[in-house]
N, C-alpha and C. Protein backbone atom coordinates (compact mmCIF):
# COMPACT_ATOMS: atom_id res chain seq x y z
N MET A 1 37.86 9.58 2.04
CA MET A 1 36.60 9.30 1.37
C MET A 1 36.28 7.81 1.55
N PRO A 2 35.03 7.49 1.93
CA PRO A 2 34.64 6.08 2.11
C PRO A 2 34.62 5.34 0.78
N MET A 3 34.68 4.02 0.86
CA MET A 3 34.62 3.17 -0.34
C MET A 3 33.16 2.78 -0.58
N LEU A 4 32.80 2.58 -1.85
CA LEU A 4 31.43 2.17 -2.17
C LEU A 4 31.07 0.89 -1.44
N GLY A 5 29.88 0.85 -0.85
CA GLY A 5 29.41 -0.32 -0.12
C GLY A 5 29.78 -0.31 1.35
N GLU A 6 30.59 0.66 1.77
CA GLU A 6 30.98 0.74 3.18
C GLU A 6 29.75 1.10 4.02
N ILE A 7 29.62 0.46 5.19
CA ILE A 7 28.46 0.66 6.06
C ILE A 7 28.92 1.30 7.36
N LYS A 8 28.11 2.22 7.89
CA LYS A 8 28.40 2.82 9.19
C LYS A 8 27.08 2.97 9.95
N VAL A 9 27.17 3.11 11.25
CA VAL A 9 26.00 3.31 12.09
C VAL A 9 25.98 4.78 12.49
N GLY A 10 24.83 5.42 12.28
CA GLY A 10 24.70 6.82 12.60
C GLY A 10 24.37 7.04 14.06
N SER A 11 24.25 8.30 14.46
CA SER A 11 23.99 8.64 15.86
C SER A 11 22.59 8.19 16.30
N ASP A 12 21.68 8.02 15.36
CA ASP A 12 20.33 7.58 15.72
C ASP A 12 20.16 6.08 15.53
N TYR A 13 21.26 5.33 15.51
CA TYR A 13 21.32 3.88 15.40
C TYR A 13 20.83 3.33 14.05
N HIS A 14 20.68 4.18 13.06
CA HIS A 14 20.36 3.71 11.71
C HIS A 14 21.65 3.35 11.00
N ARG A 15 21.56 2.36 10.13
CA ARG A 15 22.72 1.97 9.33
C ARG A 15 22.70 2.75 8.02
N PHE A 16 23.86 3.20 7.63
CA PHE A 16 24.01 3.95 6.38
C PHE A 16 25.02 3.22 5.50
N ILE A 17 24.80 3.34 4.17
CA ILE A 17 25.72 2.73 3.22
C ILE A 17 26.18 3.82 2.23
N TRP A 18 27.46 3.75 1.84
CA TRP A 18 28.01 4.71 0.89
C TRP A 18 27.68 4.21 -0.52
N GLN A 19 26.85 4.99 -1.26
CA GLN A 19 26.39 4.59 -2.59
C GLN A 19 26.64 5.70 -3.58
N SER A 20 26.56 5.31 -4.87
CA SER A 20 26.62 6.33 -5.92
C SER A 20 25.28 6.34 -6.66
N CYS A 21 24.91 7.52 -7.13
CA CYS A 21 23.67 7.68 -7.90
C CYS A 21 23.82 6.92 -9.22
N GLU A 22 22.78 6.20 -9.62
CA GLU A 22 22.85 5.41 -10.85
C GLU A 22 22.86 6.28 -12.11
N LEU A 23 22.39 7.52 -12.01
CA LEU A 23 22.35 8.38 -13.19
C LEU A 23 23.58 9.27 -13.32
N CYS A 24 23.88 10.01 -12.26
CA CYS A 24 24.98 10.97 -12.37
C CYS A 24 26.29 10.48 -11.74
N GLY A 25 26.22 9.43 -10.91
CA GLY A 25 27.42 8.88 -10.31
C GLY A 25 27.87 9.57 -9.03
N LYS A 26 27.13 10.58 -8.57
CA LYS A 26 27.49 11.30 -7.34
C LYS A 26 27.38 10.35 -6.14
N GLU A 27 28.41 10.35 -5.29
CA GLU A 27 28.44 9.46 -4.13
C GLU A 27 27.90 10.18 -2.90
N ARG A 28 27.18 9.38 -2.05
CA ARG A 28 26.61 9.95 -0.84
C ARG A 28 26.22 8.84 0.11
N TRP A 29 25.95 9.22 1.41
CA TRP A 29 25.49 8.25 2.40
C TRP A 29 23.97 8.09 2.27
N VAL A 30 23.51 6.84 2.30
CA VAL A 30 22.09 6.54 2.16
C VAL A 30 21.69 5.58 3.26
N ARG A 31 20.51 5.80 3.86
CA ARG A 31 20.05 4.86 4.89
C ARG A 31 19.84 3.50 4.26
N LYS A 32 20.33 2.47 4.91
CA LYS A 32 20.30 1.11 4.36
C LYS A 32 18.87 0.58 4.26
N ASP A 33 17.95 1.07 5.07
CA ASP A 33 16.57 0.59 5.04
C ASP A 33 15.71 1.32 3.99
N ARG A 34 16.34 2.10 3.12
CA ARG A 34 15.63 2.80 2.05
C ARG A 34 16.03 2.19 0.71
N PRO A 35 15.35 1.14 0.27
CA PRO A 35 15.78 0.44 -0.95
C PRO A 35 15.59 1.24 -2.24
N LEU A 36 14.74 2.25 -2.24
CA LEU A 36 14.47 3.00 -3.47
C LEU A 36 15.36 4.22 -3.65
N SER A 37 16.38 4.36 -2.81
CA SER A 37 17.24 5.53 -2.91
C SER A 37 18.45 5.24 -3.80
N ARG A 38 18.17 4.81 -5.03
CA ARG A 38 19.25 4.54 -5.98
C ARG A 38 19.74 5.81 -6.64
N PHE A 39 19.00 6.92 -6.46
CA PHE A 39 19.32 8.17 -7.14
C PHE A 39 19.48 9.28 -6.12
N CYS A 40 20.30 10.26 -6.47
CA CYS A 40 20.46 11.42 -5.60
C CYS A 40 19.21 12.30 -5.70
N ARG A 41 19.11 13.30 -4.84
CA ARG A 41 17.89 14.12 -4.82
C ARG A 41 17.70 14.93 -6.10
N HIS A 42 18.77 15.14 -6.86
CA HIS A 42 18.65 15.90 -8.10
C HIS A 42 18.18 15.02 -9.26
N CYS A 43 18.55 13.73 -9.23
CA CYS A 43 18.18 12.82 -10.32
C CYS A 43 16.86 12.11 -10.08
N ALA A 44 16.42 12.00 -8.83
CA ALA A 44 15.20 11.26 -8.50
C ALA A 44 13.96 11.79 -9.23
N PRO A 45 13.75 13.10 -9.34
CA PRO A 45 12.54 13.57 -10.04
C PRO A 45 12.52 13.24 -11.53
N LYS A 46 13.66 12.90 -12.10
CA LYS A 46 13.70 12.61 -13.54
C LYS A 46 13.08 11.26 -13.85
N GLY A 47 12.78 10.49 -12.85
CA GLY A 47 12.16 9.19 -13.08
C GLY A 47 13.07 8.10 -12.59
N ALA A 48 12.55 6.94 -12.55
CA ALA A 48 13.26 5.81 -11.95
C ALA A 48 14.40 5.34 -12.83
N GLY A 49 15.12 6.26 -13.43
CA GLY A 49 16.30 5.92 -14.20
C GLY A 49 15.99 5.26 -15.52
N LYS A 50 14.85 5.57 -16.12
CA LYS A 50 14.49 4.96 -17.39
C LYS A 50 15.16 5.74 -18.51
N ILE A 51 16.17 5.16 -19.09
CA ILE A 51 16.95 5.85 -20.11
C ILE A 51 16.64 5.24 -21.47
N VAL A 52 16.21 6.07 -22.42
CA VAL A 52 15.92 5.63 -23.78
C VAL A 52 16.70 6.54 -24.72
N ASN A 53 17.54 5.93 -25.56
CA ASN A 53 18.39 6.69 -26.48
C ASN A 53 19.24 7.73 -25.76
N GLY A 54 19.72 7.39 -24.57
CA GLY A 54 20.55 8.31 -23.81
C GLY A 54 19.78 9.44 -23.18
N LYS A 55 18.45 9.40 -23.25
CA LYS A 55 17.61 10.46 -22.71
C LYS A 55 16.84 9.90 -21.52
N VAL A 56 16.84 10.61 -20.38
CA VAL A 56 16.11 10.16 -19.20
C VAL A 56 14.64 10.43 -19.41
N MET A 57 13.83 9.37 -19.35
CA MET A 57 12.39 9.51 -19.56
C MET A 57 11.73 9.86 -18.24
N GLY A 58 10.50 10.35 -18.27
CA GLY A 58 9.78 10.78 -17.08
C GLY A 58 9.38 9.64 -16.17
N PHE A 59 8.90 9.99 -14.99
CA PHE A 59 8.55 9.02 -13.97
C PHE A 59 7.44 8.09 -14.45
N HIS A 60 6.50 8.58 -15.23
CA HIS A 60 5.36 7.78 -15.68
C HIS A 60 5.62 7.08 -17.01
N TRP A 61 6.84 6.95 -17.44
CA TRP A 61 7.17 6.30 -18.70
C TRP A 61 6.67 4.87 -18.66
N GLY A 62 5.85 4.50 -19.59
CA GLY A 62 5.23 3.18 -19.60
C GLY A 62 5.87 2.20 -20.54
N GLY A 63 7.06 2.48 -21.01
CA GLY A 63 7.74 1.55 -21.88
C GLY A 63 7.54 1.85 -23.35
N GLY A 64 6.85 2.91 -23.68
CA GLY A 64 6.73 3.30 -25.07
C GLY A 64 5.36 3.15 -25.66
N ARG A 65 4.41 2.50 -24.99
CA ARG A 65 3.06 2.32 -25.53
C ARG A 65 2.11 3.18 -24.70
N SER A 66 1.34 4.02 -25.39
CA SER A 66 0.38 4.86 -24.68
C SER A 66 -0.83 5.08 -25.57
N LYS A 67 -1.92 5.53 -24.96
CA LYS A 67 -3.15 5.78 -25.70
C LYS A 67 -3.25 7.26 -26.03
N ALA A 68 -3.42 7.56 -27.30
CA ALA A 68 -3.53 8.95 -27.75
C ALA A 68 -4.94 9.47 -27.49
N SER A 69 -5.13 10.77 -27.59
CA SER A 69 -6.43 11.38 -27.31
C SER A 69 -7.49 10.97 -28.34
N ASN A 70 -7.07 10.51 -29.52
CA ASN A 70 -8.04 10.09 -30.54
C ASN A 70 -8.45 8.63 -30.39
N GLY A 71 -7.94 7.93 -29.36
CA GLY A 71 -8.36 6.57 -29.08
C GLY A 71 -7.43 5.48 -29.59
N TYR A 72 -6.45 5.84 -30.42
CA TYR A 72 -5.50 4.86 -30.95
C TYR A 72 -4.32 4.72 -30.01
N PHE A 73 -3.67 3.55 -30.04
CA PHE A 73 -2.44 3.35 -29.27
C PHE A 73 -1.25 3.83 -30.11
N THR A 74 -0.28 4.43 -29.43
CA THR A 74 0.95 4.85 -30.09
C THR A 74 2.12 4.10 -29.47
N ILE A 75 3.16 3.92 -30.27
CA ILE A 75 4.37 3.22 -29.85
C ILE A 75 5.56 4.15 -30.06
N TYR A 76 6.46 4.20 -29.07
CA TYR A 76 7.68 4.97 -29.18
C TYR A 76 8.71 4.13 -29.92
N LEU A 77 9.33 4.69 -30.95
CA LEU A 77 10.34 3.97 -31.72
C LEU A 77 11.71 4.59 -31.51
N ASN A 78 12.73 3.73 -31.40
CA ASN A 78 14.11 4.19 -31.31
C ASN A 78 14.61 4.59 -32.69
N PHE A 79 15.68 5.37 -32.72
CA PHE A 79 16.26 5.82 -33.98
C PHE A 79 16.77 4.67 -34.84
N ASP A 80 17.22 3.59 -34.19
CA ASP A 80 17.78 2.47 -34.94
C ASP A 80 16.74 1.45 -35.39
N ASP A 81 15.47 1.70 -35.11
CA ASP A 81 14.39 0.79 -35.51
C ASP A 81 14.20 0.87 -37.03
N PRO A 82 14.05 -0.27 -37.72
CA PRO A 82 13.87 -0.21 -39.18
C PRO A 82 12.58 0.49 -39.62
N PHE A 83 11.61 0.61 -38.72
CA PHE A 83 10.34 1.27 -39.05
C PHE A 83 10.31 2.72 -38.56
N TYR A 84 11.46 3.25 -38.15
CA TYR A 84 11.54 4.62 -37.65
C TYR A 84 11.08 5.67 -38.68
N PRO A 85 11.27 5.46 -39.99
CA PRO A 85 10.79 6.48 -40.94
C PRO A 85 9.28 6.73 -40.87
N MET A 86 8.52 5.82 -40.28
CA MET A 86 7.07 6.01 -40.14
C MET A 86 6.73 6.90 -38.95
N ALA A 87 7.67 7.15 -38.04
CA ALA A 87 7.41 7.88 -36.81
C ALA A 87 7.26 9.38 -37.07
N ASP A 88 6.53 10.04 -36.16
CA ASP A 88 6.37 11.48 -36.25
C ASP A 88 7.54 12.18 -35.55
N LYS A 89 7.44 13.48 -35.37
CA LYS A 89 8.56 14.23 -34.79
C LYS A 89 8.81 13.90 -33.32
N ARG A 90 7.83 13.26 -32.66
CA ARG A 90 8.01 12.84 -31.26
C ARG A 90 8.42 11.37 -31.17
N ASN A 91 8.80 10.77 -32.29
CA ASN A 91 9.22 9.37 -32.38
C ASN A 91 8.08 8.40 -32.10
N LEU A 92 6.84 8.80 -32.36
CA LEU A 92 5.67 7.95 -32.12
C LEU A 92 5.07 7.49 -33.44
N VAL A 93 4.54 6.27 -33.43
CA VAL A 93 3.83 5.73 -34.59
C VAL A 93 2.59 5.02 -34.06
N TYR A 94 1.48 5.07 -34.83
CA TYR A 94 0.28 4.36 -34.41
C TYR A 94 0.53 2.86 -34.43
N GLU A 95 0.05 2.19 -33.39
CA GLU A 95 0.32 0.76 -33.24
C GLU A 95 -0.27 -0.05 -34.39
N HIS A 96 -1.48 0.28 -34.86
CA HIS A 96 -2.09 -0.51 -35.93
C HIS A 96 -1.29 -0.38 -37.23
N ARG A 97 -0.71 0.77 -37.48
CA ARG A 97 0.13 0.94 -38.67
C ARG A 97 1.44 0.15 -38.52
N LEU A 98 1.99 0.12 -37.31
CA LEU A 98 3.22 -0.62 -37.06
C LEU A 98 2.99 -2.14 -37.20
N VAL A 99 1.85 -2.62 -36.72
CA VAL A 99 1.52 -4.04 -36.84
C VAL A 99 1.44 -4.44 -38.31
N MET A 100 0.76 -3.62 -39.11
CA MET A 100 0.62 -3.93 -40.54
C MET A 100 1.98 -3.83 -41.25
N ALA A 101 2.79 -2.84 -40.90
CA ALA A 101 4.11 -2.68 -41.53
C ALA A 101 5.00 -3.87 -41.22
N LYS A 102 4.97 -4.34 -39.98
CA LYS A 102 5.79 -5.50 -39.62
C LYS A 102 5.30 -6.75 -40.36
N HIS A 103 3.98 -6.86 -40.54
CA HIS A 103 3.43 -7.99 -41.27
C HIS A 103 3.88 -7.97 -42.73
N LEU A 104 3.87 -6.78 -43.35
CA LEU A 104 4.29 -6.65 -44.75
C LEU A 104 5.81 -6.66 -44.90
N GLY A 105 6.52 -6.35 -43.83
CA GLY A 105 7.98 -6.33 -43.87
C GLY A 105 8.54 -5.07 -44.50
N ARG A 106 7.76 -3.99 -44.48
CA ARG A 106 8.22 -2.71 -45.05
C ARG A 106 7.50 -1.57 -44.35
N CYS A 107 8.04 -0.36 -44.51
CA CYS A 107 7.37 0.82 -43.97
C CYS A 107 6.15 1.14 -44.83
N LEU A 108 5.11 1.66 -44.20
CA LEU A 108 3.91 2.05 -44.94
C LEU A 108 4.08 3.45 -45.50
N ASP A 109 3.49 3.65 -46.66
CA ASP A 109 3.46 4.96 -47.29
C ASP A 109 2.39 5.80 -46.58
N LYS A 110 2.52 7.11 -46.61
CA LYS A 110 1.52 7.97 -45.96
C LYS A 110 0.14 7.83 -46.60
N SER A 111 0.08 7.44 -47.89
CA SER A 111 -1.21 7.30 -48.55
C SER A 111 -1.89 5.98 -48.22
N GLU A 112 -1.17 5.05 -47.58
CA GLU A 112 -1.77 3.77 -47.20
C GLU A 112 -2.48 3.91 -45.86
N ILE A 113 -3.71 3.46 -45.82
CA ILE A 113 -4.53 3.59 -44.62
C ILE A 113 -4.82 2.20 -44.07
N VAL A 114 -4.63 2.03 -42.77
CA VAL A 114 -4.92 0.76 -42.10
C VAL A 114 -6.27 0.91 -41.42
N HIS A 115 -7.19 0.02 -41.76
CA HIS A 115 -8.58 0.07 -41.30
C HIS A 115 -8.83 -1.04 -40.29
N HIS A 116 -9.54 -0.70 -39.20
CA HIS A 116 -9.98 -1.71 -38.23
C HIS A 116 -11.33 -2.25 -38.70
N LYS A 117 -11.40 -3.53 -39.01
CA LYS A 117 -12.62 -4.12 -39.55
C LYS A 117 -13.79 -4.03 -38.58
N ASN A 118 -13.53 -4.27 -37.30
CA ASN A 118 -14.64 -4.26 -36.33
C ASN A 118 -14.90 -2.87 -35.75
N GLY A 119 -14.15 -1.87 -36.16
CA GLY A 119 -14.37 -0.50 -35.71
C GLY A 119 -13.74 -0.17 -34.36
N ASP A 120 -13.15 -1.15 -33.68
CA ASP A 120 -12.52 -0.93 -32.37
C ASP A 120 -11.08 -0.46 -32.59
N LYS A 121 -10.80 0.78 -32.24
CA LYS A 121 -9.47 1.37 -32.48
C LYS A 121 -8.37 0.72 -31.65
N THR A 122 -8.74 0.01 -30.59
CA THR A 122 -7.73 -0.60 -29.73
C THR A 122 -7.48 -2.07 -30.07
N ASP A 123 -8.26 -2.63 -30.98
CA ASP A 123 -8.11 -4.04 -31.37
C ASP A 123 -7.14 -4.12 -32.55
N ASN A 124 -5.86 -4.30 -32.24
CA ASN A 124 -4.83 -4.26 -33.27
C ASN A 124 -4.32 -5.64 -33.67
N ARG A 125 -5.21 -6.64 -33.59
CA ARG A 125 -4.85 -7.96 -34.09
C ARG A 125 -4.76 -7.90 -35.60
N LEU A 126 -3.86 -8.69 -36.16
CA LEU A 126 -3.63 -8.66 -37.61
C LEU A 126 -4.87 -9.05 -38.39
N ASP A 127 -5.65 -10.00 -37.89
CA ASP A 127 -6.85 -10.42 -38.63
C ASP A 127 -7.97 -9.39 -38.55
N ASN A 128 -7.83 -8.35 -37.71
CA ASN A 128 -8.81 -7.27 -37.65
C ASN A 128 -8.39 -6.06 -38.48
N LEU A 129 -7.22 -6.11 -39.10
CA LEU A 129 -6.70 -4.97 -39.84
C LEU A 129 -6.69 -5.26 -41.34
N GLU A 130 -7.00 -4.23 -42.12
CA GLU A 130 -6.84 -4.32 -43.57
C GLU A 130 -6.28 -2.99 -44.07
N ILE A 131 -5.59 -3.06 -45.18
CA ILE A 131 -4.88 -1.88 -45.69
C ILE A 131 -5.55 -1.40 -46.97
N TYR A 132 -5.66 -0.08 -47.12
CA TYR A 132 -6.22 0.55 -48.32
C TYR A 132 -5.20 1.53 -48.87
N LYS A 133 -5.16 1.63 -50.17
CA LYS A 133 -4.31 2.61 -50.84
C LYS A 133 -5.18 3.82 -51.13
N GLY A 134 -4.93 4.90 -50.46
CA GLY A 134 -5.70 6.12 -50.68
C GLY A 134 -6.93 6.18 -49.80
N ASN A 135 -7.44 7.38 -49.59
CA ASN A 135 -8.56 7.59 -48.69
C ASN A 135 -9.91 7.27 -49.33
N ASP A 136 -9.99 7.28 -50.68
CA ASP A 136 -11.28 7.05 -51.35
C ASP A 136 -11.82 5.66 -51.04
N ASN A 137 -10.99 4.63 -51.16
CA ASN A 137 -11.43 3.27 -50.87
C ASN A 137 -11.84 3.12 -49.41
N HIS A 138 -11.09 3.74 -48.53
CA HIS A 138 -11.38 3.66 -47.10
C HIS A 138 -12.72 4.31 -46.79
N SER A 139 -12.98 5.48 -47.36
CA SER A 139 -14.24 6.18 -47.14
C SER A 139 -15.41 5.36 -47.68
N THR A 140 -15.22 4.75 -48.85
CA THR A 140 -16.27 3.93 -49.44
C THR A 140 -16.60 2.75 -48.52
N MET A 141 -15.57 2.12 -47.96
CA MET A 141 -15.81 0.98 -47.07
C MET A 141 -16.53 1.43 -45.80
N HIS A 142 -16.18 2.60 -45.27
CA HIS A 142 -16.86 3.09 -44.08
C HIS A 142 -18.32 3.36 -44.37
N SER A 143 -18.62 4.05 -45.47
CA SER A 143 -20.02 4.36 -45.76
C SER A 143 -20.80 3.09 -46.08
N LYS A 144 -20.18 2.13 -46.75
CA LYS A 144 -20.85 0.85 -47.01
C LYS A 144 -21.16 0.14 -45.70
N GLY A 145 -20.21 0.18 -44.76
CA GLY A 145 -20.44 -0.45 -43.46
C GLY A 145 -21.58 0.21 -42.72
N TYR A 146 -21.65 1.54 -42.78
CA TYR A 146 -22.75 2.24 -42.12
C TYR A 146 -24.07 1.91 -42.78
N GLN A 147 -24.10 1.87 -44.13
CA GLN A 147 -25.34 1.55 -44.84
C GLN A 147 -25.79 0.13 -44.50
N ASP A 148 -24.86 -0.82 -44.52
CA ASP A 148 -25.21 -2.21 -44.20
C ASP A 148 -25.72 -2.31 -42.77
N GLY A 149 -25.06 -1.61 -41.85
CA GLY A 149 -25.49 -1.64 -40.46
C GLY A 149 -26.86 -1.03 -40.28
N PHE A 150 -27.15 0.07 -41.01
CA PHE A 150 -28.46 0.71 -40.93
C PHE A 150 -29.54 -0.24 -41.45
N LYS A 151 -29.27 -0.87 -42.62
CA LYS A 151 -30.25 -1.80 -43.19
C LYS A 151 -30.51 -2.96 -42.25
N LYS A 152 -29.44 -3.51 -41.66
CA LYS A 152 -29.59 -4.64 -40.74
C LYS A 152 -30.41 -4.21 -39.52
N GLY A 153 -30.09 -3.04 -38.96
CA GLY A 153 -30.84 -2.54 -37.81
C GLY A 153 -32.30 -2.30 -38.15
N TYR A 154 -32.56 -1.76 -39.34
CA TYR A 154 -33.93 -1.50 -39.77
C TYR A 154 -34.70 -2.80 -39.91
N LEU A 155 -34.08 -3.78 -40.58
CA LEU A 155 -34.75 -5.07 -40.78
C LEU A 155 -34.95 -5.81 -39.46
N ASP A 156 -33.96 -5.77 -38.57
CA ASP A 156 -34.11 -6.42 -37.27
C ASP A 156 -35.26 -5.79 -36.49
N GLY A 157 -35.33 -4.47 -36.51
CA GLY A 157 -36.41 -3.78 -35.79
C GLY A 157 -37.77 -4.09 -36.38
N ARG A 158 -37.86 -4.11 -37.72
CA ARG A 158 -39.13 -4.42 -38.37
C ARG A 158 -39.57 -5.85 -38.04
N ASN A 159 -38.65 -6.81 -38.12
CA ASN A 159 -38.98 -8.21 -37.83
C ASN A 159 -39.40 -8.38 -36.36
N ARG A 160 -38.74 -7.65 -35.45
CA ARG A 160 -39.12 -7.72 -34.04
C ARG A 160 -40.54 -7.21 -33.83
N ARG A 161 -40.88 -6.10 -34.48
CA ARG A 161 -42.23 -5.54 -34.34
C ARG A 161 -43.28 -6.50 -34.90
N ILE A 162 -42.97 -7.16 -36.02
CA ILE A 162 -43.90 -8.13 -36.61
C ILE A 162 -44.12 -9.29 -35.64
N ARG A 163 -43.06 -9.81 -35.02
CA ARG A 163 -43.20 -10.91 -34.06
C ARG A 163 -44.04 -10.48 -32.86
N GLU A 164 -43.82 -9.25 -32.37
CA GLU A 164 -44.60 -8.75 -31.24
C GLU A 164 -46.08 -8.68 -31.60
N LEU A 165 -46.40 -8.20 -32.81
CA LEU A 165 -47.80 -8.13 -33.24
C LEU A 165 -48.42 -9.52 -33.37
N GLU A 166 -47.67 -10.47 -33.91
CA GLU A 166 -48.17 -11.84 -34.04
C GLU A 166 -48.47 -12.44 -32.66
N LEU A 167 -47.58 -12.22 -31.69
CA LEU A 167 -47.82 -12.72 -30.33
C LEU A 167 -49.04 -12.06 -29.71
N TYR A 168 -49.20 -10.78 -29.95
CA TYR A 168 -50.34 -10.04 -29.42
C TYR A 168 -51.65 -10.58 -30.00
N ILE A 169 -51.66 -10.85 -31.29
CA ILE A 169 -52.85 -11.40 -31.95
C ILE A 169 -53.15 -12.80 -31.41
N GLN A 170 -52.11 -13.61 -31.20
CA GLN A 170 -52.32 -14.95 -30.64
C GLN A 170 -52.94 -14.86 -29.25
N LYS A 171 -52.47 -13.92 -28.43
CA LYS A 171 -53.04 -13.76 -27.09
C LYS A 171 -54.50 -13.36 -27.17
N LEU A 172 -54.84 -12.47 -28.12
CA LEU A 172 -56.23 -12.05 -28.28
C LEU A 172 -57.10 -13.21 -28.72
N GLU A 173 -56.60 -14.01 -29.67
CA GLU A 173 -57.36 -15.16 -30.15
C GLU A 173 -57.59 -16.18 -29.05
N ILE A 174 -56.54 -16.45 -28.26
CA ILE A 174 -56.65 -17.41 -27.17
C ILE A 174 -57.60 -16.88 -26.12
N GLY A 175 -57.50 -15.61 -25.83
CA GLY A 175 -58.38 -14.99 -24.82
C GLY A 175 -59.83 -14.98 -25.28
N GLY A 176 -60.06 -14.75 -26.58
CA GLY A 176 -61.43 -14.73 -27.10
C GLY A 176 -62.05 -16.10 -27.18
N VAL A 177 -61.25 -17.16 -27.46
CA VAL A 177 -61.77 -18.52 -27.57
C VAL A 177 -62.11 -19.09 -26.19
N SER A 178 -61.22 -18.85 -25.21
CA SER A 178 -61.46 -19.41 -23.89
C SER A 178 -62.51 -18.63 -23.13
N GLY A 179 -62.86 -17.40 -23.52
CA GLY A 179 -63.78 -16.53 -22.79
C GLY A 179 -65.14 -16.74 -23.19
């Protein structure tokens, strides 16, 4: 049996090196000009050897942060993480809740709601987040924000129309005086 790292030249003049798979440890000959052949053919589809909690993660594993279908970012938590009690059955927690929990130094209760002040679900800066106890306060703040936004939009539109009418009248007056 060859020793690990031993090199030989094959019949087609390619150099081969005796390597072991990084996941299962199986030894085999690998072409030296193939730098990505760290895994045997059985372990390669499992992903580039990304092991989390002793579990081989998939090829597209992005390090634990991904965007959920509802628009929020989720974070993968390990079992030994102090905020693991906040995670769901897939070991995921919403990033905005994790940011607030780390800021407070404790796990959040399920009744505590973290609100994005600017409405952008992906903006998880601490100064954009606020916490509410219970859904009633959160709903009140949302409806107040919508009412304020509607009033502002209504007033902005009304003021714009008034300015347009004033400019139109000025053009008529100037046109009538010079004519």
